[in-house]
Every structure is written in structure tokens, then in C-alpha cells.
N, C-alpha and C. Protein backbone atom coordinates (compact mmCIF):
# COMPACT_ATOMS: atom_id res chain seq x y z
N UNK A 1 44.61 3.68 -9.40
CA UNK A 1 44.12 4.58 -8.81
C UNK A 1 43.04 4.19 -7.64
N UNK A 2 43.27 4.95 -6.88
CA UNK A 2 42.37 4.42 -5.42
C UNK A 2 41.41 5.64 -5.30
N UNK A 3 40.53 5.28 -4.19
CA UNK A 3 39.49 6.59 -4.41
C UNK A 3 40.06 6.83 -2.36
N UNK A 4 39.98 8.05 -2.08
CA UNK A 4 40.30 8.70 -0.54
C UNK A 4 38.97 8.06 -0.34
N UNK A 5 39.29 8.30 0.87
CA UNK A 5 38.00 7.48 2.16
C UNK A 5 36.57 8.29 1.77
N UNK A 6 37.08 9.35 1.58
CA UNK A 6 35.68 10.55 1.51
C UNK A 6 34.90 10.38 0.34
N UNK A 7 36.01 10.12 -0.84
CA UNK A 7 34.59 9.62 -1.86
C UNK A 7 34.31 7.93 -1.34
N UNK A 8 35.23 7.12 -0.99
CA UNK A 8 34.08 5.83 -0.81
C UNK A 8 32.99 6.06 0.11
N UNK A 9 33.33 6.79 1.18
CA UNK A 9 31.97 6.99 2.17
C UNK A 9 30.85 7.70 1.37
N UNK A 10 31.74 8.58 0.52
CA UNK A 10 30.01 9.47 -0.41
C UNK A 10 29.63 8.68 -0.96
N UNK A 11 29.98 7.37 -1.88
CA UNK A 11 29.67 6.22 -2.85
C UNK A 11 28.94 5.27 -1.57
N UNK A 12 29.19 5.53 -1.12
CA UNK A 12 28.41 4.57 0.05
C UNK A 12 27.06 4.53 0.74
N UNK A 13 27.27 6.16 1.00
CA UNK A 13 25.77 6.76 1.11
C UNK A 13 24.83 7.49 -0.03
N UNK A 14 25.53 7.34 -1.14
CA UNK A 14 24.67 7.49 -2.21
C UNK A 14 23.75 6.40 -2.58
N UNK A 15 24.66 5.49 -2.50
CA UNK A 15 24.17 3.64 -2.99
C UNK A 15 23.22 3.36 -1.86
N UNK A 16 23.36 3.66 -0.36
CA UNK A 16 22.42 3.63 0.62
C UNK A 16 21.17 4.15 0.45
N UNK A 17 21.40 5.35 -0.18
CA UNK A 17 20.32 6.56 -0.26
C UNK A 17 19.46 6.14 -1.44
N UNK A 18 19.80 5.25 -2.39
CA UNK A 18 19.13 5.45 -3.13
C UNK A 18 18.47 4.14 -3.11
N UNK A 19 18.66 2.98 -2.38
CA UNK A 19 17.86 1.48 -1.96
C UNK A 19 17.40 2.07 -1.01
N UNK A 20 17.04 3.53 -0.22
CA UNK A 20 15.88 3.87 -0.08
C UNK A 20 15.06 4.30 -0.73
N UNK A 21 15.07 5.29 -1.38
CA UNK A 21 14.29 5.51 -2.37
C UNK A 21 13.31 4.50 -3.16
N UNK A 22 14.39 3.35 -3.67
CA UNK A 22 13.68 2.67 -4.28
C UNK A 22 12.39 1.68 -3.72
N UNK A 23 13.30 1.10 -2.12
CA UNK A 23 12.58 0.41 -1.13
C UNK A 23 11.25 1.41 -0.88
N UNK A 24 11.09 2.41 -0.94
CA UNK A 24 10.22 3.51 -0.23
C UNK A 24 9.24 3.19 -1.43
N UNK A 25 9.43 3.56 -2.79
CA UNK A 25 9.05 3.74 -3.93
C UNK A 25 7.97 2.52 -4.63
N UNK A 26 8.78 1.39 -4.04
CA UNK A 26 8.15 0.25 -4.35
C UNK A 26 7.09 -0.55 -4.30
N UNK A 27 6.56 0.15 -3.13
CA UNK A 27 5.09 -0.26 -2.58
C UNK A 27 4.14 0.67 -3.44
N UNK A 28 4.09 1.85 -3.68
CA UNK A 28 3.18 2.11 -4.83
C UNK A 28 3.34 2.20 -5.95
N UNK A 29 4.39 1.61 -6.44
CA UNK A 29 4.70 0.73 -7.75
C UNK A 29 3.74 -0.63 -7.80
N UNK A 30 4.37 -1.25 -7.18
CA UNK A 30 3.86 -2.50 -7.15
C UNK A 30 2.47 -2.86 -6.92
N UNK A 31 1.95 -2.18 -5.92
CA UNK A 31 0.34 -2.27 -6.02
C UNK A 31 -0.32 -1.51 -6.92
N UNK A 32 0.00 -0.57 -7.77
CA UNK A 32 -0.40 0.16 -8.32
C UNK A 32 -0.67 -1.25 -10.03
N UNK A 33 0.65 -1.77 -9.99
CA UNK A 33 0.51 -3.67 -10.79
C UNK A 33 -0.62 -4.08 -10.71
N UNK A 34 -0.74 -4.38 -9.11
CA UNK A 34 -1.88 -5.38 -8.74
C UNK A 34 -3.16 -4.76 -9.06
N UNK A 35 -3.50 -3.59 -8.86
CA UNK A 35 -5.03 -2.67 -8.89
C UNK A 35 -5.41 -3.23 -10.01
N UNK A 36 -4.29 -2.30 -11.27
CA UNK A 36 -4.55 -2.34 -12.90
C UNK A 36 -5.09 -3.86 -13.15
N UNK A 37 -4.15 -4.88 -12.61
CA UNK A 37 -4.45 -6.38 -12.97
C UNK A 37 -5.90 -6.64 -12.63
N UNK A 38 -6.31 -6.55 -11.62
CA UNK A 38 -7.45 -6.64 -11.26
C UNK A 38 -8.80 -6.32 -12.13
N UNK A 39 -9.72 -7.35 -12.51
CA UNK A 39 -10.79 -6.92 -13.49
C UNK A 39 -11.46 -5.82 -12.38
N UNK A 40 -12.06 -4.83 -13.19
CA UNK A 40 -13.52 -3.42 -12.18
C UNK A 40 -14.26 -4.61 -11.97
N UNK A 41 -14.80 -4.24 -10.88
CA UNK A 41 -15.99 -4.81 -10.57
C UNK A 41 -16.93 -3.20 -10.38
N UNK A 42 -17.64 -2.97 -11.14
CA UNK A 42 -18.36 -1.56 -11.15
C UNK A 42 -19.51 -1.21 -9.87
N UNK A 43 -19.88 -1.80 -9.57
CA UNK A 43 -20.80 -2.46 -8.50
C UNK A 43 -20.48 -3.57 -7.13
N UNK A 44 -19.93 -2.95 -6.06
CA UNK A 44 -19.49 -4.71 -5.01
C UNK A 44 -21.15 -4.62 -4.84
N UNK A 45 -21.18 -4.27 -4.39
CA UNK A 45 -23.12 -4.74 -4.30
C UNK A 45 -23.93 -5.62 -4.75
N UNK A 46 -22.97 -5.87 -6.46
CA UNK A 46 -24.01 -6.94 -7.14
C UNK A 46 -23.01 -7.76 -8.02
N UNK A 47 -22.96 -8.72 -6.83
CA UNK A 47 -22.17 -9.91 -7.02
C UNK A 47 -22.10 -10.96 -8.46
N UNK A 48 -22.92 -10.69 -8.86
CA UNK A 48 -23.08 -11.21 -10.29
C UNK A 48 -22.25 -10.23 -11.35
N UNK A 49 -21.59 -9.34 -10.87
CA UNK A 49 -20.76 -8.39 -11.88
C UNK A 49 -19.42 -9.36 -11.23
N UNK A 50 -19.10 -8.90 -9.97
CA UNK A 50 -17.79 -9.91 -9.20
C UNK A 50 -17.49 -11.45 -9.82
N UNK A 51 -18.96 -12.28 -10.51
CA UNK A 51 -18.81 -13.32 -10.91
C UNK A 51 -17.77 -12.88 -11.80
N UNK A 52 -18.63 -12.31 -12.62
CA UNK A 52 -17.60 -12.04 -14.39
C UNK A 52 -16.46 -11.50 -14.65
N UNK A 53 -16.13 -11.05 -12.91
CA UNK A 53 -15.05 -10.53 -12.71
C UNK A 53 -14.12 -11.66 -12.97
N UNK A 54 -14.64 -13.05 -11.75
CA UNK A 54 -13.42 -13.69 -11.23
C UNK A 54 -13.95 -14.56 -12.81
N UNK A 55 -14.55 -14.88 -13.19
CA UNK A 55 -13.81 -15.61 -15.08
C UNK A 55 -13.07 -14.94 -15.85
N UNK A 56 -12.75 -13.54 -15.74
CA UNK A 56 -10.74 -13.55 -15.81
C UNK A 56 -9.82 -13.65 -14.72
N UNK A 57 -10.02 -15.23 -14.78
CA UNK A 57 -9.07 -15.97 -13.58
C UNK A 57 -7.86 -15.51 -13.48
N UNK A 58 -7.09 -15.41 -14.25
CA UNK A 58 -5.33 -15.56 -14.25
C UNK A 58 -5.25 -13.67 -13.57
N UNK A 59 -5.97 -12.74 -14.04
CA UNK A 59 -6.42 -11.29 -13.98
C UNK A 59 -5.95 -11.27 -12.25
N UNK A 60 -7.49 -11.74 -12.24
CA UNK A 60 -8.59 -11.89 -10.96
C UNK A 60 -7.42 -12.46 -9.71
N UNK A 61 -6.40 -13.72 -9.67
CA UNK A 61 -5.64 -14.49 -8.86
C UNK A 61 -4.42 -13.31 -9.19
N UNK A 62 -3.42 -13.00 -10.17
CA UNK A 62 -2.25 -12.14 -10.14
C UNK A 62 -3.23 -10.99 -9.40
N UNK A 63 -3.75 -10.37 -10.03
CA UNK A 63 -4.09 -8.83 -9.17
C UNK A 63 -4.04 -8.67 -7.64
N UNK A 64 -4.80 -9.96 -7.03
CA UNK A 64 -4.70 -9.92 -5.92
C UNK A 64 -3.69 -10.22 -4.69
N UNK A 65 -3.43 -11.17 -5.64
CA UNK A 65 -2.15 -11.70 -4.93
C UNK A 65 -0.63 -10.08 -5.00
N UNK A 66 -0.62 -9.95 -5.96
CA UNK A 66 0.68 -8.86 -6.53
C UNK A 66 -0.25 -7.70 -5.15
N UNK A 67 -1.33 -7.24 -5.03
CA UNK A 67 -1.09 -6.34 -4.43
C UNK A 67 -1.41 -6.78 -3.03
N UNK A 68 -1.12 -7.67 -2.57
CA UNK A 68 -1.38 -8.27 -0.89
C UNK A 68 0.64 -8.80 -0.81
N UNK A 69 1.07 -8.65 -1.75
CA UNK A 69 2.53 -9.17 -1.59
C UNK A 69 3.12 -7.09 -1.54
N UNK A 70 2.27 -6.41 -2.22
CA UNK A 70 2.73 -4.83 -2.30
C UNK A 70 2.29 -4.42 -0.90
N UNK A 71 1.80 -5.17 -0.32
CA UNK A 71 0.94 -4.13 0.97
C UNK A 71 2.19 -4.92 2.40
N UNK A 72 2.58 -6.01 2.12
CA UNK A 72 3.72 -6.18 2.77
C UNK A 72 4.87 -5.67 2.58
N UNK A 73 5.40 -5.23 1.15
CA UNK A 73 6.19 -4.27 0.66
C UNK A 73 6.38 -2.81 1.82
N UNK A 74 4.84 -2.52 1.90
CA UNK A 74 4.75 -1.01 2.60
C UNK A 74 5.72 -1.07 3.57
N UNK A 75 5.48 -2.79 4.29
CA UNK A 75 6.38 -2.63 6.23
C UNK A 75 7.43 -2.15 5.84
N UNK A 76 8.31 -2.42 4.40
CA UNK A 76 9.70 -1.86 4.26
C UNK A 76 10.10 -0.20 3.99
N UNK A 77 8.51 0.02 3.38
CA UNK A 77 9.10 1.09 2.91
C UNK A 77 8.89 1.96 3.88
N UNK A 78 7.84 1.77 5.31
CA UNK A 78 7.94 2.92 6.37
C UNK A 78 9.03 2.03 6.78
N UNK A 79 9.58 1.27 7.25
CA UNK A 79 10.95 1.35 7.63
C UNK A 79 11.93 1.76 7.40
N UNK A 80 12.21 1.92 5.65
CA UNK A 80 13.46 2.85 5.43
C UNK A 80 12.75 4.21 5.53
N UNK A 81 12.19 4.97 5.81
CA UNK A 81 11.97 6.44 5.88
C UNK A 81 12.34 6.58 7.52
N UNK A 82 11.56 5.63 8.19
CA UNK A 82 12.43 5.52 9.07
C UNK A 82 13.94 5.30 9.90
N UNK A 83 14.77 4.63 8.97
CA UNK A 83 15.60 4.53 9.28
C UNK A 83 16.26 5.63 8.45
N UNK A 84 15.69 6.29 7.29
CA UNK A 84 16.34 7.82 6.90
C UNK A 84 16.50 8.52 8.44
N UNK A 85 15.54 8.61 9.10
CA UNK A 85 15.19 10.09 10.11
C UNK A 85 16.03 9.70 11.22
N UNK A 86 16.06 8.17 11.58
CA UNK A 86 17.70 7.82 12.36
C UNK A 86 18.85 8.39 12.54
N UNK A 87 19.63 7.91 11.06
CA UNK A 87 20.55 8.55 10.81
C UNK A 87 20.79 10.16 11.10
N UNK A 88 19.57 10.89 11.57
CA UNK A 88 19.76 12.68 11.90
C UNK A 88 18.89 12.56 13.36
N UNK A 89 19.26 11.68 13.55
CA UNK A 89 18.48 11.28 15.11
C UNK A 89 17.14 12.09 15.34
N UNK A 90 16.06 11.77 14.19
CA UNK A 90 14.64 11.90 14.05
C UNK A 90 14.53 10.76 14.09
N UNK A 91 13.14 10.90 14.93
CA UNK A 91 12.16 9.56 14.80
C UNK A 91 10.81 9.47 14.37
N UNK A 92 9.71 8.56 13.61
CA UNK A 92 8.93 8.19 13.71
C UNK A 92 8.13 8.25 14.57
N UNK A 93 6.53 8.51 14.81
CA UNK A 93 6.18 8.09 15.99
C UNK A 93 6.00 6.36 16.25
N UNK A 94 5.90 6.32 17.75
CA UNK A 94 6.28 5.10 18.02
C UNK A 94 5.24 4.31 17.37
N UNK A 95 4.16 4.44 17.26
CA UNK A 95 3.27 3.41 17.29
C UNK A 95 3.10 3.25 15.13
N UNK A 96 4.19 4.45 14.54
CA UNK A 96 3.78 4.34 13.03
C UNK A 96 3.96 2.67 12.33
N UNK A 97 5.05 2.14 13.13
CA UNK A 97 5.41 0.48 12.06
C UNK A 97 3.91 -0.27 12.76
N UNK A 98 4.00 -0.22 13.77
CA UNK A 98 3.06 -1.12 14.43
C UNK A 98 1.69 -1.52 13.44
N UNK A 99 1.18 0.21 13.27
CA UNK A 99 -0.27 0.47 12.59
C UNK A 99 0.04 -0.37 11.57
N UNK A 100 1.27 -0.02 10.41
CA UNK A 100 1.33 -0.24 9.09
C UNK A 100 1.20 -1.72 9.16
N UNK A 101 1.85 -2.52 10.22
CA UNK A 101 2.36 -3.76 10.13
C UNK A 101 1.19 -4.57 9.78
N UNK A 102 0.08 -4.47 10.75
CA UNK A 102 -0.80 -4.88 11.44
C UNK A 102 -2.10 -4.68 10.28
N UNK A 103 -1.90 -3.50 9.77
CA UNK A 103 -2.62 -3.34 8.79
C UNK A 103 -2.72 -3.77 7.20
N UNK A 104 -1.31 -3.99 7.02
CA UNK A 104 -1.11 -4.70 5.88
C UNK A 104 -0.97 -6.30 5.55
N UNK A 105 -1.03 -6.90 7.31
CA UNK A 105 -1.06 -7.99 7.63
C UNK A 105 -3.20 -7.80 7.25
N UNK A 106 -3.77 -7.35 7.81
CA UNK A 106 -4.75 -7.55 7.29
C UNK A 106 -5.32 -7.56 5.90
N UNK A 107 -4.75 -6.27 5.23
CA UNK A 107 -4.69 -6.09 3.66
C UNK A 107 -4.59 -7.53 3.43
N UNK A 108 -3.37 -7.93 3.41
CA UNK A 108 -2.80 -8.96 2.88
C UNK A 108 -3.70 -10.52 3.34
N UNK A 109 -5.02 -10.51 3.91
CA UNK A 109 -5.41 -11.69 4.76
C UNK A 109 -6.99 -11.57 3.52
N UNK A 110 -7.14 -10.74 3.54
CA UNK A 110 -8.12 -9.78 2.72
C UNK A 110 -8.20 -10.31 1.21
N UNK A 111 -7.24 -9.53 0.64
CA UNK A 111 -6.52 -9.66 -0.50
C UNK A 111 -6.23 -11.30 -0.74
N UNK A 112 -5.54 -11.73 0.20
CA UNK A 112 -6.03 -13.45 -0.20
C UNK A 112 -6.86 -14.26 -0.31
N UNK A 113 -8.18 -13.83 0.70
CA UNK A 113 -9.57 -14.50 0.70
C UNK A 113 -10.01 -13.88 -0.60
N UNK A 114 -10.20 -13.46 -0.90
CA UNK A 114 -10.70 -12.45 -2.26
C UNK A 114 -10.30 -13.12 -3.64
N UNK A 115 -8.73 -13.13 -3.45
CA UNK A 115 -7.75 -13.72 -4.59
C UNK A 115 -8.21 -16.04 -4.76
N UNK A 116 -8.61 -16.19 -3.95
CA UNK A 116 -8.74 -17.68 -3.82
C UNK A 116 -10.15 -18.46 -3.94
N UNK A 117 -11.00 -17.61 -2.52
CA UNK A 117 -11.83 -18.01 -2.17
C UNK A 117 -12.95 -18.04 -3.67
N UNK A 118 -13.07 -17.30 -4.49
CA UNK A 118 -14.49 -17.86 -5.26
C UNK A 118 -14.03 -18.35 -6.53
N UNK A 119 -12.26 -18.58 -6.66
CA UNK A 119 -11.99 -19.39 -7.86
C UNK A 119 -12.19 -20.75 -7.09
N UNK A 120 -11.62 -21.08 -5.80
CA UNK A 120 -11.89 -22.34 -5.54
C UNK A 120 -13.37 -22.75 -5.40
N UNK A 121 -14.05 -22.28 -5.13
CA UNK A 121 -15.84 -22.17 -5.57
C UNK A 121 -15.97 -22.53 -6.36
N UNK A 122 -15.76 -21.85 -7.63
CA UNK A 122 -15.54 -21.86 -8.69
C UNK A 122 -15.05 -23.25 -9.38
N UNK A 123 -14.39 -23.81 -9.01
CA UNK A 123 -13.41 -25.24 -9.30
C UNK A 123 -14.09 -26.03 -8.87
N UNK A 124 -15.14 -25.83 -7.62
CA UNK A 124 -15.82 -26.97 -6.98
C UNK A 124 -17.18 -27.14 -7.93
N UNK A 125 -17.12 -26.33 -9.73
CA UNK A 125 -18.76 -26.77 -9.75
C UNK A 125 -20.02 -25.85 -9.62
N UNK A 126 -19.43 -25.02 -8.46
CA UNK A 126 -20.71 -23.62 -7.99
C UNK A 126 -20.16 -22.22 -8.48
N UNK A 127 -21.48 -21.59 -8.61
CA UNK A 127 -21.26 -20.05 -8.78
C UNK A 127 -20.29 -19.21 -7.59
N UNK A 128 -19.52 -18.03 -8.17
CA UNK A 128 -18.49 -17.88 -7.11
C UNK A 128 -19.19 -16.47 -5.72
N UNK A 129 -20.63 -16.27 -6.94
CA UNK A 129 -22.08 -15.92 -5.95
C UNK A 129 -21.87 -16.21 -4.23
N UNK A 130 -21.42 -17.50 -4.27
CA UNK A 130 -21.63 -18.18 -3.17
C UNK A 130 -20.91 -18.10 -2.67
N UNK A 131 -19.52 -17.48 -2.63
CA UNK A 131 -18.24 -17.31 -1.79
C UNK A 131 -18.75 -15.70 -1.20
N UNK A 132 -19.40 -14.74 -2.29
CA UNK A 132 -19.56 -13.38 -2.02
C UNK A 132 -20.49 -13.54 -0.99
N UNK A 133 -21.92 -13.92 -1.55
CA UNK A 133 -22.52 -13.58 -0.24
C UNK A 133 -22.46 -13.97 0.92
N UNK A 134 -21.73 -15.14 0.94
CA UNK A 134 -20.94 -15.43 2.61
C UNK A 134 -19.69 -15.08 3.36
N UNK A 135 -18.98 -14.05 2.18
CA UNK A 135 -18.18 -13.82 2.86
C UNK A 135 -18.37 -12.31 3.37
N UNK A 136 -19.40 -11.78 3.07
CA UNK A 136 -18.98 -10.12 2.59
C UNK A 136 -18.90 -9.48 4.41
N UNK A 137 -19.22 -10.20 5.28
CA UNK A 137 -19.11 -9.67 6.68
C UNK A 137 -17.63 -9.63 6.67
N UNK A 138 -16.66 -11.31 6.66
CA UNK A 138 -15.81 -11.84 6.89
C UNK A 138 -14.63 -10.64 5.85
N UNK A 139 -15.04 -10.90 5.18
CA UNK A 139 -13.55 -10.36 3.94
C UNK A 139 -13.40 -8.78 4.23
N UNK A 140 -15.43 -8.36 4.11
CA UNK A 140 -14.86 -7.06 3.99
C UNK A 140 -14.81 -6.39 5.56
N UNK A 141 -15.44 -6.44 6.70
CA UNK A 141 -14.42 -5.81 7.50
C UNK A 141 -13.57 -6.76 7.97
N UNK A 142 -12.45 -7.39 7.46
CA UNK A 142 -10.99 -7.35 6.99
C UNK A 142 -10.93 -6.04 6.40
N UNK A 143 -10.65 -5.64 5.03
CA UNK A 143 -10.94 -4.64 4.54
C UNK A 143 -10.81 -3.55 5.79
N UNK A 144 -12.22 -2.96 5.81
CA UNK A 144 -12.10 -1.71 6.69
C UNK A 144 -11.24 -1.95 7.72
N UNK A 145 -11.10 -3.01 8.48
CA UNK A 145 -10.60 -2.69 9.71
C UNK A 145 -8.99 -2.39 9.50
N UNK A 146 -8.74 -3.05 8.23
CA UNK A 146 -7.21 -3.03 7.48
C UNK A 146 -7.04 -1.27 7.34
N UNK A 147 -8.00 -0.57 6.53
CA UNK A 147 -8.03 0.38 5.97
C UNK A 147 -7.82 1.52 6.96
N UNK A 148 -8.59 1.41 8.20
CA UNK A 148 -8.55 2.14 9.91
C UNK A 148 -6.84 2.16 10.24
N UNK A 149 -6.33 0.61 10.48
CA UNK A 149 -4.93 0.63 10.95
C UNK A 149 -4.68 1.07 10.23
N UNK A 150 -3.93 0.89 8.62
CA UNK A 150 -3.24 0.95 8.24
C UNK A 150 -3.25 2.68 8.07
N UNK A 151 -4.68 3.12 7.47
CA UNK A 151 -4.43 4.74 7.38
C UNK A 151 -4.30 5.45 8.81
N UNK A 152 -4.15 4.91 9.97
CA UNK A 152 -3.65 5.66 11.17
C UNK A 152 -2.32 5.58 11.12
N UNK A 153 -1.22 4.20 10.66
CA UNK A 153 -0.12 4.52 10.13
C UNK A 153 0.28 5.27 8.97
N UNK A 154 -0.44 5.23 8.46
CA UNK A 154 0.47 6.32 7.09
C UNK A 154 0.16 7.85 8.01
N UNK A 155 -1.03 8.20 8.50
CA UNK A 155 -1.35 9.79 9.15
C UNK A 155 -0.20 9.37 10.27
N UNK A 156 0.28 8.53 10.71
CA UNK A 156 1.52 9.16 12.27
C UNK A 156 2.77 8.90 11.17
N UNK A 157 3.01 8.34 9.95
CA UNK A 157 4.34 8.39 9.43
C UNK A 157 4.18 9.61 8.77
N UNK A 158 3.00 10.38 7.93
CA UNK A 158 3.31 11.40 7.33
C UNK A 158 3.29 12.81 8.24
N UNK A 159 2.52 12.82 9.65
CA UNK A 159 2.27 13.81 10.66
C UNK A 159 3.85 14.08 10.97
N UNK A 160 4.30 12.78 11.40
CA UNK A 160 5.53 12.53 12.06
C UNK A 160 6.72 13.27 11.11
N UNK A 161 6.12 13.18 9.64
CA UNK A 161 7.65 13.37 8.81
C UNK A 161 7.33 15.00 8.68
N UNK A 162 6.21 15.90 9.11
CA UNK A 162 6.13 16.93 9.00
C UNK A 162 6.68 17.79 10.14
N UNK A 163 6.55 17.09 11.52
CA UNK A 163 7.10 17.72 12.56
C UNK A 163 8.66 18.06 12.79
N UNK A 164 9.24 16.84 11.36
CA UNK A 164 10.69 17.01 12.05
C UNK A 164 11.09 16.94 10.63
N UNK A 165 10.36 17.85 10.03
CA UNK A 165 10.92 18.59 9.09
C UNK A 165 11.34 18.04 7.95
N UNK A 166 11.08 16.63 7.52
CA UNK A 166 10.92 16.19 6.52
C UNK A 166 10.88 16.32 5.15
N UNK A 167 9.60 16.21 5.87
CA UNK A 167 7.55 16.78 5.00
C UNK A 167 7.84 18.18 4.68
N UNK A 168 8.26 19.43 3.83
CA UNK A 168 7.82 20.62 4.01
C UNK A 168 7.41 20.99 2.36
N UNK A 169 6.99 22.30 2.85
CA UNK A 169 6.06 23.05 1.74
C UNK A 169 4.70 22.63 0.71
N UNK A 170 4.82 22.80 0.12
CA UNK A 170 3.69 21.58 -0.64
C UNK A 170 3.91 20.30 -0.58
N UNK A 171 5.01 20.02 -0.61
CA UNK A 171 4.47 17.97 -0.36
C UNK A 171 3.66 17.97 1.10
N UNK A 172 3.40 18.15 2.01
CA UNK A 172 3.34 18.63 3.35
C UNK A 172 1.44 18.13 2.97
N UNK A 173 1.37 19.19 2.29
CA UNK A 173 0.03 19.24 1.81
C UNK A 173 -0.70 17.84 1.34
N UNK A 174 0.62 17.59 0.44
CA UNK A 174 0.06 16.36 -0.52
C UNK A 174 0.16 15.34 -0.18
N UNK A 175 0.76 14.35 0.86
CA UNK A 175 0.47 13.83 1.34
C UNK A 175 -0.55 13.36 2.56
N UNK A 176 -1.16 14.82 2.82
CA UNK A 176 -1.71 14.65 3.99
C UNK A 176 -3.31 14.39 3.50
N UNK A 177 -3.23 14.59 2.42
CA UNK A 177 -4.34 15.01 1.60
C UNK A 177 -4.95 13.15 1.05
N UNK A 178 -3.43 13.06 0.66
CA UNK A 178 -3.29 11.60 0.27
C UNK A 178 -3.86 10.49 1.16
N UNK A 179 -3.17 10.76 2.55
CA UNK A 179 -3.69 9.63 3.48
C UNK A 179 -5.15 9.82 3.91
N UNK A 180 -5.48 10.73 3.62
CA UNK A 180 -6.84 11.06 4.20
C UNK A 180 -8.14 10.26 2.50
N UNK A 181 -7.65 10.70 1.06
CA UNK A 181 -8.08 9.88 0.06
C UNK A 181 -7.81 8.33 0.40
N UNK A 182 -6.90 7.70 0.65
CA UNK A 182 -6.56 6.01 1.24
C UNK A 182 -7.28 5.87 1.71
N UNK A 183 -7.55 6.38 2.73
CA UNK A 183 -9.16 5.92 4.26
C UNK A 183 -10.26 6.23 3.45
N UNK A 184 -10.60 7.15 2.91
CA UNK A 184 -12.13 7.28 2.37
C UNK A 184 -11.77 6.70 1.21
N UNK A 185 -11.39 6.61 -0.26
CA UNK A 185 -11.68 5.38 -1.65
C UNK A 185 -12.30 3.81 -1.30
N UNK A 186 -11.86 3.52 -0.11
CA UNK A 186 -12.25 2.45 -0.04
C UNK A 186 -13.66 2.37 0.42
N UNK A 187 -14.28 3.38 0.44
CA UNK A 187 -16.10 3.28 1.07
C UNK A 187 -16.14 3.16 0.00
N UNK A 188 -16.03 3.82 -1.21
CA UNK A 188 -16.51 3.53 -2.66
C UNK A 188 -16.89 2.19 -2.75
N UNK A 189 -18.04 2.08 -2.80
CA UNK A 189 -18.40 0.38 -3.41
C UNK A 189 -18.18 0.53 -4.81
N UNK A 190 -17.08 0.00 -4.82
CA UNK A 190 -17.23 0.16 -6.59
C UNK A 190 -15.30 -0.13 -7.01
N UNK A 191 -14.68 -0.60 -7.93
CA UNK A 191 -13.83 -1.29 -8.25
C UNK A 191 -12.90 0.03 -8.78
N UNK A 192 -13.51 0.74 -9.30
CA UNK A 192 -12.63 2.10 -9.23
C UNK A 192 -11.95 3.00 -8.49
N UNK A 193 -13.00 2.62 -7.36
CA UNK A 193 -12.09 3.44 -6.19
C UNK A 193 -10.63 2.95 -6.05
N UNK A 194 -10.19 2.24 -6.66
CA UNK A 194 -9.23 1.26 -6.39
C UNK A 194 -8.45 2.03 -6.82
N UNK A 195 -8.22 1.96 -7.83
CA UNK A 195 -7.68 3.44 -8.62
C UNK A 195 -7.28 4.64 -7.66
N UNK A 196 -8.29 4.77 -7.05
CA UNK A 196 -7.99 6.23 -6.11
C UNK A 196 -6.94 5.82 -5.12
N UNK A 197 -7.09 4.28 -4.60
CA UNK A 197 -6.08 3.85 -3.87
C UNK A 197 -4.60 4.20 -4.02
N UNK A 198 -4.26 3.41 -5.49
CA UNK A 198 -3.33 3.69 -5.80
C UNK A 198 -2.71 4.61 -6.01
N UNK A 199 -3.71 5.97 -6.56
CA UNK A 199 -3.32 7.51 -6.87
C UNK A 199 -2.80 7.79 -5.06
N UNK A 200 -3.14 7.93 -4.50
CA UNK A 200 -3.09 7.90 -3.00
C UNK A 200 -1.42 7.47 -2.47
N UNK A 201 -1.05 6.75 -2.56
CA UNK A 201 -0.63 5.93 -1.83
C UNK A 201 1.05 6.56 -2.50
N UNK A 202 1.05 6.67 -4.58
CA UNK A 202 2.10 7.90 -5.00
C UNK A 202 2.49 9.18 -4.05
N UNK A 203 0.30 9.62 -3.75
CA UNK A 203 0.86 11.20 -2.43
C UNK A 203 1.74 11.19 -1.73
N UNK A 204 1.09 10.15 -1.28
CA UNK A 204 1.95 9.97 0.17
C UNK A 204 3.55 9.47 0.15
N UNK A 205 3.73 8.63 -0.74
CA UNK A 205 5.78 8.14 -0.68
C UNK A 205 6.04 9.09 -1.47
N UNK A 206 5.88 9.18 -2.90
CA UNK A 206 6.48 10.02 -3.45
C UNK A 206 7.00 11.23 -2.88
N UNK A 207 6.59 12.13 -2.73
CA UNK A 207 6.87 13.03 -1.91
C UNK A 207 7.98 13.35 -0.73
N UNK A 208 7.99 11.84 0.05
CA UNK A 208 8.95 11.71 0.84
C UNK A 208 10.30 10.82 0.61
N UNK A 209 9.90 10.38 -0.88
CA UNK A 209 11.10 9.82 -1.61
C UNK A 209 12.34 10.82 -1.96
N UNK A 210 11.49 11.88 -2.53
CA UNK A 210 11.60 13.17 -3.08
C UNK A 210 12.71 13.80 -1.96
N UNK A 211 12.23 14.14 -1.29
CA UNK A 211 12.52 14.61 0.28
C UNK A 211 13.58 14.00 0.87
N UNK A 212 14.16 12.66 0.90
CA UNK A 212 14.92 11.67 1.05
C UNK A 212 15.80 12.44 0.51
N UNK A 213 15.66 11.99 -1.31
CA UNK A 213 16.81 11.86 -2.16
C UNK A 213 17.50 14.40 -2.34
N UNK A 214 16.53 14.74 -1.70
CA UNK A 214 17.00 16.37 -1.58
C UNK A 214 18.28 16.07 0.14
N UNK A 215 17.86 15.67 0.70
CA UNK A 215 18.27 15.31 1.92
C UNK A 215 19.85 14.96 2.55
């Protein structure tokens, strides 16, 4: 028995929508895995605490690298949302994807440096504290700029989604507040703040994924 053209089109649309939802949720899921793997540094100002965390070599390295990969995946997540809107002749603000791409690149660069730098110093027989003492301006500065730019991209995406009617009801407020949490959490100089970032990404992208699923 062969399926009618309308049935085939319906199945194709369902599969396409499922792939969109998976690509949207990939970012918050993968970033959370990365953050959970990174050993917690209770106080970033104490570089000796960071040195102890680096001692858990595989967790330190894999957590940072997975988190960097997650930010690269965020570009696909946002692009999927934009593609969904295009099907109904709606668009996200033009600067959304550029902000996301630049911010994600800065985050990936900072996470890569944080992953490899202290381990390289440690492998040379020196204390990783040397890396943290010398890289504060560069690495921290990269994260600060990355947070601002990426956050502006998220803000554009959420506000744009509200304006075109994709986000409605309580989901509007959940996503908007989550963007603010994402931008503010890194200002807390503690590894615990990373969990705020992870929760915020779910708060931003889950309502959007659910809205697309219902649409």
C-alpha cells in the first residue's frame, strides 16, 4: 500500500520538525554536560583553588572542550529557529545570528584556552597558577565580551520570537528572564554560577522548542 502525497508530505514535515527540535535542544543539553564535568572552582579569585581543579585533568579538559563544542552548536540551534520562522514568512532580527556566531566563537576561544593552557603549564613541570595569574586579563576579557555579544544575540532572538508570535503566554517571560540570567550569572566569580548558565540555556531554548512543536 502506498501513501498518498498528502500523507508523505505530512510525514516529511513531521520529520523535519523533529530534527529542528533536536537541533534546538542540542545546545542546552550539551552545554549542561560540559558544565557538570568541569570541576567546581568555588572562588575564581583564588587561583590555588583553580589549580586543584586542574588536577582532575580529564574532567577539566573534557568539560571545557564539550562546552566549547556546545557553543558552536548554538549557532545551529538559532539557525533552526530562524528557518522555522521563514516557513511562515517571519524572521528573526537581522543581527541575531551574527551576534550568536561571534559570541559563540569568543566563548569557544576562551574555553579552549582555559582547557589547554593550565594543563600545558602543568605538563612543563610548573604550577597552573602561573597560567591563571598571567591570563586573567585575556581569558576573562574574552569571556566578558563573549557573554555580552552572545547575550545580545539571545535577547534579539527572544524579543524577535515574541514579536512574531512564536513565544506567547508565560513562555515569553521564562525565556526573557533566562536571557538576563545568562548574562548576569558569569559576573558571579564562582564555578557554581556555571550552573545558572546551564539552567538559563534551558529556560531560553526549551520554550522555543515547545512552541515550534505546537506550531
